[in-house]
Amino acid sequence: MDKQKKTYGKAMCEEIQSTLYITDEKEDNGLSVILINDIIDARKREGITQRQIESMSGVKQPIISRMERGTTDPKLSTVLKILSSLGKTLQIVPLQEVEK
């Protein structure tokens, strides 16, 4: 995803969050948006469809679609299955590194 799209997406996310969430929820949701966007980017970079992820991970395509659209809050186990099928995992890093 190019820098302009990320900037626009972040601004739009912040605007929505300001009306829907309290401060702690905003921070949690912002990190979720970053994670989901990174998953989408990885999937597209590899040229893998949602159906292929379903086949590789066992997570149903409609769940993947809802996760990518932001209409569901997936369980950690679901995220890990999808990441694993992309050859990725989660890593604990200081928040300052995420914000860069």
PDB file of N, CA and C in Angstrom:
ATOM      1  N   MET A   1       0.864  -1.165   0.000  1.00  0.00           N
ATOM      2  CA  MET A   1       0.000   0.000   0.000  1.00  0.00           C
ATOM      3  C   MET A   1       0.910   1.228   0.000  1.00  0.00           C
ATOM      4  N   ASP A   2       0.629   2.173  -0.876  1.00  0.00           N
ATOM      5  CA  ASP A   2       1.501   3.337  -0.940  1.00  0.00           C
ATOM      6  C   ASP A   2       1.222   4.291   0.225  1.00  0.00           C
ATOM      7  N   LYS A   3       2.168   5.215   0.440  1.00  0.00           N
ATOM      8  CA  LYS A   3       2.109   6.124   1.599  1.00  0.00           C
ATOM      9  C   LYS A   3       0.841   6.972   1.605  1.00  0.00           C
ATOM     10  N   GLN A   4       0.405   7.440   0.407  1.00  0.00           N
ATOM     11  CA  GLN A   4      -0.788   8.284   0.334  1.00  0.00           C
ATOM     12  C   GLN A   4      -2.019   7.511   0.798  1.00  0.00           C
ATOM     13  N   LYS A   5      -2.153   6.252   0.371  1.00  0.00           N
ATOM     14  CA  LYS A   5      -3.301   5.445   0.784  1.00  0.00           C
ATOM     15  C   LYS A   5      -3.270   5.197   2.284  1.00  0.00           C
ATOM     16  N   LYS A   6      -2.059   4.921   2.844  1.00  0.00           N
ATOM     17  CA  LYS A   6      -1.953   4.692   4.282  1.00  0.00           C
ATOM     18  C   LYS A   6      -2.341   5.942   5.054  1.00  0.00           C
ATOM     19  N   THR A   7      -1.890   7.106   4.583  1.00  0.00           N
ATOM     20  CA  THR A   7      -2.208   8.367   5.244  1.00  0.00           C
ATOM     21  C   THR A   7      -3.710   8.618   5.208  1.00  0.00           C
ATOM     22  N   TYR A   8      -4.332   8.414   4.045  1.00  0.00           N
ATOM     23  CA  TYR A   8      -5.773   8.600   3.913  1.00  0.00           C
ATOM     24  C   TYR A   8      -6.516   7.614   4.802  1.00  0.00           C
ATOM     25  N   GLY A   9      -6.085   6.354   4.769  1.00  0.00           N
ATOM     26  CA  GLY A   9      -6.727   5.324   5.586  1.00  0.00           C
ATOM     27  C   GLY A   9      -6.614   5.629   7.063  1.00  0.00           C
ATOM     28  N   LYS A  10      -5.447   6.106   7.479  1.00  0.00           N
ATOM     29  CA  LYS A  10      -5.241   6.436   8.889  1.00  0.00           C
ATOM     30  C   LYS A  10      -6.120   7.608   9.296  1.00  0.00           C
ATOM     31  N   ALA A  11      -6.204   8.630   8.452  1.00  0.00           N
ATOM     32  CA  ALA A  11      -7.032   9.801   8.762  1.00  0.00           C
ATOM     33  C   ALA A  11      -8.501   9.399   8.864  1.00  0.00           C
ATOM     34  N   MET A  12      -8.953   8.567   7.930  1.00  0.00           N
ATOM     35  CA  MET A  12     -10.338   8.123   7.947  1.00  0.00           C
ATOM     36  C   MET A  12     -10.610   7.287   9.195  1.00  0.00           C
ATOM     37  N   CYS A  13      -9.680   6.407   9.537  1.00  0.00           N
ATOM     38  CA  CYS A  13      -9.820   5.577  10.733  1.00  0.00           C
ATOM     39  C   CYS A  13      -9.897   6.449  11.983  1.00  0.00           C
ATOM     40  N   GLU A  14      -9.042   7.461  12.085  1.00  0.00           N
ATOM     41  CA  GLU A  14      -9.044   8.340  13.248  1.00  0.00           C
ATOM     42  C   GLU A  14     -10.354   9.116  13.361  1.00  0.00           C
ATOM     43  N   GLU A  15     -10.895   9.544  12.235  1.00  0.00           N
ATOM     44  CA  GLU A  15     -12.164  10.278  12.252  1.00  0.00           C
ATOM     45  C   GLU A  15     -13.297   9.390  12.757  1.00  0.00           C
ATOM     46  N   ILE A  16     -13.348   8.164  12.273  1.00  0.00           N
ATOM     47  CA  ILE A  16     -14.394   7.230  12.703  1.00  0.00           C
ATOM     48  C   ILE A  16     -14.229   6.910  14.176  1.00  0.00           C
ATOM     49  N   GLN A  17     -12.987   6.663  14.585  1.00  0.00           N
ATOM     50  CA  GLN A  17     -12.727   6.332  15.980  1.00  0.00           C
ATOM     51  C   GLN A  17     -13.126   7.450  16.924  1.00  0.00           C
ATOM     52  N   SER A  18     -12.913   8.695  16.512  1.00  0.00           N
ATOM     53  CA  SER A  18     -13.218   9.818  17.400  1.00  0.00           C
ATOM     54  C   SER A  18     -14.698   9.886  17.729  1.00  0.00           C
ATOM     55  N   THR A  19     -15.547   9.366  16.850  1.00  0.00           N
ATOM     56  CA  THR A  19     -16.976   9.407  17.120  1.00  0.00           C
ATOM     57  C   THR A  19     -17.498   8.121  17.760  1.00  0.00           C
ATOM     58  N   LEU A  20     -16.757   7.018  17.617  1.00  0.00           N
ATOM     59  CA  LEU A  20     -17.281   5.735  18.081  1.00  0.00           C
ATOM     60  C   LEU A  20     -16.648   5.198  19.358  1.00  0.00           C
ATOM     61  N   TYR A  21     -15.413   5.578  19.642  1.00  0.00           N
ATOM     62  CA  TYR A  21     -14.678   4.922  20.704  1.00  0.00           C
ATOM     63  C   TYR A  21     -14.149   5.887  21.754  1.00  0.00           C
ATOM     64  N   ILE A  22     -13.988   5.345  22.975  1.00  0.00           N
ATOM     65  CA  ILE A  22     -13.279   6.098  24.002  1.00  0.00           C
ATOM     66  C   ILE A  22     -11.783   5.910  23.765  1.00  0.00           C
ATOM     67  N   THR A  23     -10.930   6.623  24.480  1.00  0.00           N
ATOM     68  CA  THR A  23      -9.497   6.667  24.202  1.00  0.00           C
ATOM     69  C   THR A  23      -8.849   5.280  24.137  1.00  0.00           C
ATOM     70  N   ASP A  24      -9.061   4.418  25.120  1.00  0.00           N
ATOM     71  CA  ASP A  24      -8.436   3.092  25.112  1.00  0.00           C
ATOM     72  C   ASP A  24      -8.905   2.267  23.925  1.00  0.00           C
ATOM     73  N   GLU A  25     -10.184   2.354  23.603  1.00  0.00           N
ATOM     74  CA  GLU A  25     -10.703   1.615  22.461  1.00  0.00           C
ATOM     75  C   GLU A  25     -10.094   2.126  21.160  1.00  0.00           C
ATOM     76  N   LYS A  26      -9.852   3.425  21.067  1.00  0.00           N
ATOM     77  CA  LYS A  26      -9.246   4.004  19.864  1.00  0.00           C
ATOM     78  C   LYS A  26      -7.870   3.407  19.625  1.00  0.00           C
ATOM     79  N   GLU A  27      -7.066   3.319  20.684  1.00  0.00           N
ATOM     80  CA  GLU A  27      -5.719   2.779  20.558  1.00  0.00           C
ATOM     81  C   GLU A  27      -5.765   1.321  20.125  1.00  0.00           C
ATOM     82  N   ASP A  28      -6.629   0.517  20.753  1.00  0.00           N
ATOM     83  CA  ASP A  28      -6.759  -0.894  20.394  1.00  0.00           C
ATOM     84  C   ASP A  28      -7.195  -1.044  18.947  1.00  0.00           C
ATOM     85  N   ASN A  29      -8.180  -0.254  18.536  1.00  0.00           N
ATOM     86  CA  ASN A  29      -8.705  -0.345  17.186  1.00  0.00           C
ATOM     87  C   ASN A  29      -7.658   0.091  16.162  1.00  0.00           C
ATOM     88  N   GLY A  30      -6.886   1.117  16.476  1.00  0.00           N
ATOM     89  CA  GLY A  30      -5.853   1.573  15.556  1.00  0.00           C
ATOM     90  C   GLY A  30      -4.823   0.492  15.284  1.00  0.00           C
ATOM     91  N   LEU A  31      -4.436  -0.223  16.333  1.00  0.00           N
ATOM     92  CA  LEU A  31      -3.485  -1.315  16.162  1.00  0.00           C
ATOM     93  C   LEU A  31      -4.102  -2.448  15.356  1.00  0.00           C
ATOM     94  N   SER A  32      -5.392  -2.702  15.569  1.00  0.00           N
ATOM     95  CA  SER A  32      -6.082  -3.733  14.793  1.00  0.00           C
ATOM     96  C   SER A  32      -6.111  -3.373  13.315  1.00  0.00           C
ATOM     97  N   VAL A  33      -6.370  -2.111  13.024  1.00  0.00           N
ATOM     98  CA  VAL A  33      -6.406  -1.657  11.628  1.00  0.00           C
ATOM     99  C   VAL A  33      -5.036  -1.844  10.980  1.00  0.00           C
ATOM    100  N   ILE A  34      -3.977  -1.506  11.701  1.00  0.00           N
ATOM    101  CA  ILE A  34      -2.625  -1.692  11.169  1.00  0.00           C
ATOM    102  C   ILE A  34      -2.366  -3.166  10.883  1.00  0.00           C
ATOM    103  N   LEU A  35      -2.727  -4.027  11.824  1.00  0.00           N
ATOM    104  CA  LEU A  35      -2.512  -5.466  11.661  1.00  0.00           C
ATOM    105  C   LEU A  35      -3.272  -6.005  10.456  1.00  0.00           C
ATOM    106  N   ILE A  36      -4.551  -5.671  10.349  1.00  0.00           N
ATOM    107  CA  ILE A  36      -5.368  -6.168   9.242  1.00  0.00           C
ATOM    108  C   ILE A  36      -4.841  -5.633   7.910  1.00  0.00           C
ATOM    109  N   ASN A  37      -4.468  -4.351   7.867  1.00  0.00           N
ATOM    110  CA  ASN A  37      -3.907  -3.794   6.626  1.00  0.00           C
ATOM    111  C   ASN A  37      -2.619  -4.506   6.229  1.00  0.00           C
ATOM    112  N   ASP A  38      -1.794  -4.851   7.221  1.00  0.00           N
ATOM    113  CA  ASP A  38      -0.563  -5.585   6.925  1.00  0.00           C
ATOM    114  C   ASP A  38      -0.871  -6.982   6.388  1.00  0.00           C
ATOM    115  N   ILE A  39      -1.897  -7.623   6.924  1.00  0.00           N
ATOM    116  CA  ILE A  39      -2.306  -8.947   6.426  1.00  0.00           C
ATOM    117  C   ILE A  39      -2.793  -8.831   4.985  1.00  0.00           C
ATOM    118  N   ILE A  40      -3.625  -7.838   4.715  1.00  0.00           N
ATOM    119  CA  ILE A  40      -4.135  -7.627   3.347  1.00  0.00           C
ATOM    120  C   ILE A  40      -2.976  -7.380   2.395  1.00  0.00           C
ATOM    121  N   ASP A  41      -2.044  -6.507   2.788  1.00  0.00           N
ATOM    122  CA  ASP A  41      -0.881  -6.209   1.948  1.00  0.00           C
ATOM    123  C   ASP A  41      -0.070  -7.467   1.660  1.00  0.00           C
ATOM    124  N   ALA A  42       0.170  -8.283   2.688  1.00  0.00           N
ATOM    125  CA  ALA A  42       0.947  -9.517   2.510  1.00  0.00           C
ATOM    126  C   ALA A  42       0.230 -10.475   1.564  1.00  0.00           C
ATOM    127  N   ARG A  43      -1.068 -10.612   1.729  1.00  0.00           N
ATOM    128  CA  ARG A  43      -1.850 -11.514   0.869  1.00  0.00           C
ATOM    129  C   ARG A  43      -1.779 -11.065  -0.580  1.00  0.00           C
ATOM    130  N   LYS A  44      -1.968  -9.767  -0.807  1.00  0.00           N
ATOM    131  CA  LYS A  44      -1.956  -9.236  -2.172  1.00  0.00           C
ATOM    132  C   LYS A  44      -0.566  -9.284  -2.786  1.00  0.00           C
ATOM    133  N   ARG A  45       0.455  -9.009  -1.974  1.00  0.00           N
ATOM    134  CA  ARG A  45       1.843  -9.074  -2.463  1.00  0.00           C
ATOM    135  C   ARG A  45       2.172 -10.473  -2.980  1.00  0.00           C
ATOM    136  N   GLU A  46       1.644 -11.469  -2.293  1.00  0.00           N
ATOM    137  CA  GLU A  46       1.880 -12.866  -2.680  1.00  0.00           C
ATOM    138  C   GLU A  46       0.943 -13.310  -3.804  1.00  0.00           C
ATOM    139  N   GLY A  47      -0.032 -12.469  -4.141  1.00  0.00           N
ATOM    140  CA  GLY A  47      -0.982 -12.817  -5.197  1.00  0.00           C
ATOM    141  C   GLY A  47      -1.923 -13.941  -4.788  1.00  0.00           C
ATOM    142  N   ILE A  48      -2.257 -13.974  -3.509  1.00  0.00           N
ATOM    143  CA  ILE A  48      -3.112 -15.035  -2.962  1.00  0.00           C
ATOM    144  C   ILE A  48      -4.521 -14.494  -2.754  1.00  0.00           C
ATOM    145  N   THR A  49      -5.515 -15.248  -3.176  1.00  0.00           N
ATOM    146  CA  THR A  49      -6.907 -14.843  -2.995  1.00  0.00           C
ATOM    147  C   THR A  49      -7.401 -15.245  -1.608  1.00  0.00           C
ATOM    148  N   GLN A  50      -8.539 -14.683  -1.240  1.00  0.00           N
ATOM    149  CA  GLN A  50      -9.153 -15.071   0.027  1.00  0.00           C
ATOM    150  C   GLN A  50      -9.522 -16.551   0.007  1.00  0.00           C
ATOM    151  N   ARG A  51      -9.964 -17.062  -1.117  1.00  0.00           N
ATOM    152  CA  ARG A  51     -10.311 -18.497  -1.244  1.00  0.00           C
ATOM    153  C   ARG A  51      -9.072 -19.367  -1.025  1.00  0.00           C
ATOM    154  N   GLN A  52      -7.936 -18.920  -1.534  1.00  0.00           N
ATOM    155  CA  GLN A  52      -6.707 -19.682  -1.334  1.00  0.00           C
ATOM    156  C   GLN A  52      -6.296 -19.671   0.133  1.00  0.00           C
ATOM    157  N   ILE A  53      -6.463 -18.519   0.789  1.00  0.00           N
ATOM    158  CA  ILE A  53      -6.177 -18.447   2.229  1.00  0.00           C
ATOM    159  C   ILE A  53      -7.094 -19.405   2.980  1.00  0.00           C
ATOM    160  N   GLU A  54      -8.357 -19.457   2.583  1.00  0.00           N
ATOM    161  CA  GLU A  54      -9.309 -20.383   3.207  1.00  0.00           C
ATOM    162  C   GLU A  54      -8.779 -21.807   3.110  1.00  0.00           C
ATOM    163  N   SER A  55      -8.351 -22.191   1.936  1.00  0.00           N
ATOM    164  CA  SER A  55      -7.839 -23.535   1.703  1.00  0.00           C
ATOM    165  C   SER A  55      -6.571 -23.809   2.513  1.00  0.00           C
ATOM    166  N   MET A  56      -5.723 -22.815   2.630  1.00  0.00           N
ATOM    167  CA  MET A  56      -4.443 -22.977   3.324  1.00  0.00           C
ATOM    168  C   MET A  56      -4.576 -22.915   4.841  1.00  0.00           C
ATOM    169  N   SER A  57      -5.532 -22.123   5.333  1.00  0.00           N
ATOM    170  CA  SER A  57      -5.614 -21.865   6.775  1.00  0.00           C
ATOM    171  C   SER A  57      -6.775 -22.578   7.469  1.00  0.00           C
ATOM    172  N   GLY A  58      -7.793 -22.943   6.698  1.00  0.00           N
ATOM    173  CA  GLY A  58      -8.998 -23.513   7.308  1.00  0.00           C
ATOM    174  C   GLY A  58      -9.980 -22.464   7.789  1.00  0.00           C
ATOM    175  N   VAL A  59      -9.645 -21.176   7.620  1.00  0.00           N
ATOM    176  CA  VAL A  59     -10.540 -20.076   7.997  1.00  0.00           C
ATOM    177  C   VAL A  59     -11.442 -19.801   6.793  1.00  0.00           C
ATOM    178  N   LYS A  60     -12.736 -19.826   6.988  1.00  0.00           N
ATOM    179  CA  LYS A  60     -13.683 -19.658   5.890  1.00  0.00           C
ATOM    180  C   LYS A  60     -13.534 -18.288   5.218  1.00  0.00           C
ATOM    181  N   GLN A  61     -13.682 -18.270   3.898  1.00  0.00           N
ATOM    182  CA  GLN A  61     -13.513 -17.045   3.109  1.00  0.00           C
ATOM    183  C   GLN A  61     -14.413 -15.911   3.583  1.00  0.00           C
ATOM    184  N   PRO A  62     -15.685 -16.162   3.922  1.00  0.00           N
ATOM    185  CA  PRO A  62     -16.513 -15.041   4.399  1.00  0.00           C
ATOM    186  C   PRO A  62     -15.960 -14.389   5.675  1.00  0.00           C
ATOM    187  N   ILE A  63     -15.334 -15.180   6.536  1.00  0.00           N
ATOM    188  CA  ILE A  63     -14.728 -14.633   7.752  1.00  0.00           C
ATOM    189  C   ILE A  63     -13.531 -13.764   7.377  1.00  0.00           C
ATOM    190  N   ILE A  64     -12.727 -14.240   6.424  1.00  0.00           N
ATOM    191  CA  ILE A  64     -11.571 -13.473   5.950  1.00  0.00           C
ATOM    192  C   ILE A  64     -12.044 -12.153   5.346  1.00  0.00           C
ATOM    193  N   SER A  65     -13.098 -12.223   4.552  1.00  0.00           N
ATOM    194  CA  SER A  65     -13.645 -11.020   3.918  1.00  0.00           C
ATOM    195  C   SER A  65     -14.123 -10.014   4.960  1.00  0.00           C
ATOM    196  N   ARG A  66     -14.875 -10.485   5.955  1.00  0.00           N
ATOM    197  CA  ARG A  66     -15.362  -9.587   7.008  1.00  0.00           C
ATOM    198  C   ARG A  66     -14.205  -8.986   7.802  1.00  0.00           C
ATOM    199  N   MET A  67     -13.180  -9.791   8.051  1.00  0.00           N
ATOM    200  CA  MET A  67     -12.010  -9.295   8.765  1.00  0.00           C
ATOM    201  C   MET A  67     -11.327  -8.194   7.960  1.00  0.00           C
ATOM    202  N   GLU A  68     -11.138  -8.435   6.659  1.00  0.00           N
ATOM    203  CA  GLU A  68     -10.465  -7.451   5.803  1.00  0.00           C
ATOM    204  C   GLU A  68     -11.285  -6.171   5.652  1.00  0.00           C
ATOM    205  N   ARG A  69     -12.608  -6.284   5.683  1.00  0.00           N
ATOM    206  CA  ARG A  69     -13.462  -5.091   5.578  1.00  0.00           C
ATOM    207  C   ARG A  69     -13.609  -4.370   6.912  1.00  0.00           C
ATOM    208  N   GLY A  70     -13.179  -5.019   7.991  1.00  0.00           N
ATOM    209  CA  GLY A  70     -13.268  -4.398   9.308  1.00  0.00           C
ATOM    210  C   GLY A  70     -14.631  -4.510   9.942  1.00  0.00           C
ATOM    211  N   THR A  71     -15.442  -5.461   9.484  1.00  0.00           N
ATOM    212  CA  THR A  71     -16.783  -5.606  10.054  1.00  0.00           C
ATOM    213  C   THR A  71     -16.852  -6.671  11.139  1.00  0.00           C
ATOM    214  N   THR A  72     -15.705  -7.258  11.471  1.00  0.00           N
ATOM    215  CA  THR A  72     -15.652  -8.228  12.555  1.00  0.00           C
ATOM    216  C   THR A  72     -14.340  -8.059  13.297  1.00  0.00           C
ATOM    217  N   ASP A  73     -14.321  -8.496  14.523  1.00  0.00           N
ATOM    218  CA  ASP A  73     -13.114  -8.454  15.341  1.00  0.00           C
ATOM    219  C   ASP A  73     -12.665  -9.909  15.507  1.00  0.00           C
ATOM    220  N   PRO A  74     -11.711 -10.351  14.677  1.00  0.00           N
ATOM    221  CA  PRO A  74     -11.346 -11.767  14.687  1.00  0.00           C
ATOM    222  C   PRO A  74     -10.626 -12.183  15.965  1.00  0.00           C
ATOM    223  N   LYS A  75     -10.787 -13.459  16.304  1.00  0.00           N
ATOM    224  CA  LYS A  75     -10.059 -14.023  17.432  1.00  0.00           C
ATOM    225  C   LYS A  75      -8.580 -14.097  17.076  1.00  0.00           C
ATOM    226  N   LEU A  76      -7.762 -14.091  18.084  1.00  0.00           N
ATOM    227  CA  LEU A  76      -6.325 -14.209  17.885  1.00  0.00           C
ATOM    228  C   LEU A  76      -5.994 -15.502  17.133  1.00  0.00           C
ATOM    229  N   SER A  77      -6.659 -16.585  17.467  1.00  0.00           N
ATOM    230  CA  SER A  77      -6.381 -17.857  16.794  1.00  0.00           C
ATOM    231  C   SER A  77      -6.672 -17.776  15.297  1.00  0.00           C
ATOM    232  N   THR A  78      -7.688 -17.019  14.912  1.00  0.00           N
ATOM    233  CA  THR A  78      -8.022 -16.833  13.496  1.00  0.00           C
ATOM    234  C   THR A  78      -6.926 -16.041  12.802  1.00  0.00           C
ATOM    235  N   VAL A  79      -6.492 -14.974  13.430  1.00  0.00           N
ATOM    236  CA  VAL A  79      -5.414 -14.140  12.865  1.00  0.00           C
ATOM    237  C   VAL A  79      -4.152 -14.976  12.696  1.00  0.00           C
ATOM    238  N   LEU A  80      -3.820 -15.784  13.708  1.00  0.00           N
ATOM    239  CA  LEU A  80      -2.610 -16.600  13.637  1.00  0.00           C
ATOM    240  C   LEU A  80      -2.687 -17.643  12.520  1.00  0.00           C
ATOM    241  N   LYS A  81      -3.854 -18.233  12.310  1.00  0.00           N
ATOM    242  CA  LYS A  81      -4.013 -19.200  11.213  1.00  0.00           C
ATOM    243  C   LYS A  81      -3.776 -18.529   9.866  1.00  0.00           C
ATOM    244  N   ILE A  82      -4.339 -17.344   9.697  1.00  0.00           N
ATOM    245  CA  ILE A  82      -4.182 -16.618   8.431  1.00  0.00           C
ATOM    246  C   ILE A  82      -2.726 -16.211   8.239  1.00  0.00           C
ATOM    247  N   LEU A  83      -2.120 -15.672   9.282  1.00  0.00           N
ATOM    248  CA  LEU A  83      -0.718 -15.269   9.191  1.00  0.00           C
ATOM    249  C   LEU A  83       0.177 -16.461   8.858  1.00  0.00           C
ATOM    250  N   SER A  84      -0.065 -17.571   9.503  1.00  0.00           N
ATOM    251  CA  SER A  84       0.738 -18.766   9.269  1.00  0.00           C
ATOM    252  C   SER A  84       0.645 -19.216   7.814  1.00  0.00           C
ATOM    253  N   SER A  85      -0.544 -19.135   7.242  1.00  0.00           N
ATOM    254  CA  SER A  85      -0.717 -19.541   5.848  1.00  0.00           C
ATOM    255  C   SER A  85       0.025 -18.600   4.896  1.00  0.00           C
ATOM    256  N   LEU A  86       0.327 -17.388   5.359  1.00  0.00           N
ATOM    257  CA  LEU A  86       1.103 -16.417   4.570  1.00  0.00           C
ATOM    258  C   LEU A  86       2.596 -16.482   4.897  1.00  0.00           C
ATOM    259  N   GLY A  87       2.971 -17.426   5.781  1.00  0.00           N
ATOM    260  CA  GLY A  87       4.360 -17.535   6.192  1.00  0.00           C
ATOM    261  C   GLY A  87       4.768 -16.431   7.145  1.00  0.00           C
ATOM    262  N   LYS A  88       3.816 -15.916   7.915  1.00  0.00           N
ATOM    263  CA  LYS A  88       4.058 -14.797   8.845  1.00  0.00           C
ATOM    264  C   LYS A  88       3.633 -15.195  10.251  1.00  0.00           C
ATOM    265  N   THR A  89       4.016 -14.368  11.219  1.00  0.00           N
ATOM    266  CA  THR A  89       3.585 -14.535  12.597  1.00  0.00           C
ATOM    267  C   THR A  89       3.508 -13.157  13.248  1.00  0.00           C
ATOM    268  N   LEU A  90       3.046 -13.120  14.474  1.00  0.00           N
ATOM    269  CA  LEU A  90       3.023 -11.867  15.237  1.00  0.00           C
ATOM    270  C   LEU A  90       4.314 -11.742  16.022  1.00  0.00           C
ATOM    271  N   GLN A  91       4.683 -10.498  16.325  1.00  0.00           N
ATOM    272  CA  GLN A  91       5.858 -10.237  17.135  1.00  0.00           C
ATOM    273  C   GLN A  91       5.529  -9.112  18.098  1.00  0.00           C
ATOM    274  N   ILE A  92       5.991  -9.239  19.314  1.00  0.00           N
ATOM    275  CA  ILE A  92       5.792  -8.205  20.322  1.00  0.00           C
ATOM    276  C   ILE A  92       6.900  -7.167  20.137  1.00  0.00           C
ATOM    277  N   VAL A  93       6.511  -5.913  19.881  1.00  0.00           N
ATOM    278  CA  VAL A  93       7.474  -4.821  19.703  1.00  0.00           C
ATOM    279  C   VAL A  93       6.979  -3.593  20.464  1.00  0.00           C
ATOM    280  N   PRO A  94       7.896  -2.712  20.839  1.00  0.00           N
ATOM    281  CA  PRO A  94       7.463  -1.474  21.498  1.00  0.00           C
ATOM    282  C   PRO A  94       6.538  -0.676  20.583  1.00  0.00           C
ATOM    283  N   LEU A  95       5.556   0.010  21.160  1.00  0.00           N
ATOM    284  CA  LEU A  95       4.602   0.790  20.373  1.00  0.00           C
ATOM    285  C   LEU A  95       5.286   1.831  19.512  1.00  0.00           C
ATOM    286  N   GLN A  96       6.393   2.389  19.966  1.00  0.00           N
ATOM    287  CA  GLN A  96       7.096   3.395  19.187  1.00  0.00           C
ATOM    288  C   GLN A  96       7.506   2.841  17.831  1.00  0.00           C
ATOM    289  N   GLU A  97       7.854   1.549  17.747  1.00  0.00           N
ATOM    290  CA  GLU A  97       8.232   0.942  16.475  1.00  0.00           C
ATOM    291  C   GLU A  97       7.027   0.810  15.546  1.00  0.00           C
ATOM    292  N   VAL A  98       5.857   0.562  16.091  1.00  0.00           N
ATOM    293  CA  VAL A  98       4.640   0.415  15.302  1.00  0.00           C
ATOM    294  C   VAL A  98       4.245   1.739  14.690  1.00  0.00           C
ATOM    295  N   GLU A  99       4.432   2.819  15.428  1.00  0.00           N
ATOM    296  CA  GLU A  99       3.996   4.147  14.987  1.00  0.00           C
ATOM    297  C   GLU A  99       4.887   4.746  13.917  1.00  0.00           C
ATOM    298  N   LYS A 100       6.055   4.169  13.638  1.00  0.00           N
ATOM    299  CA  LYS A 100       6.979   4.709  12.629  1.00  0.00           C
ATOM    300  C   LYS A 100       6.461   4.515  11.240  1.00  0.00           C
TER     301      LYS A 100
END
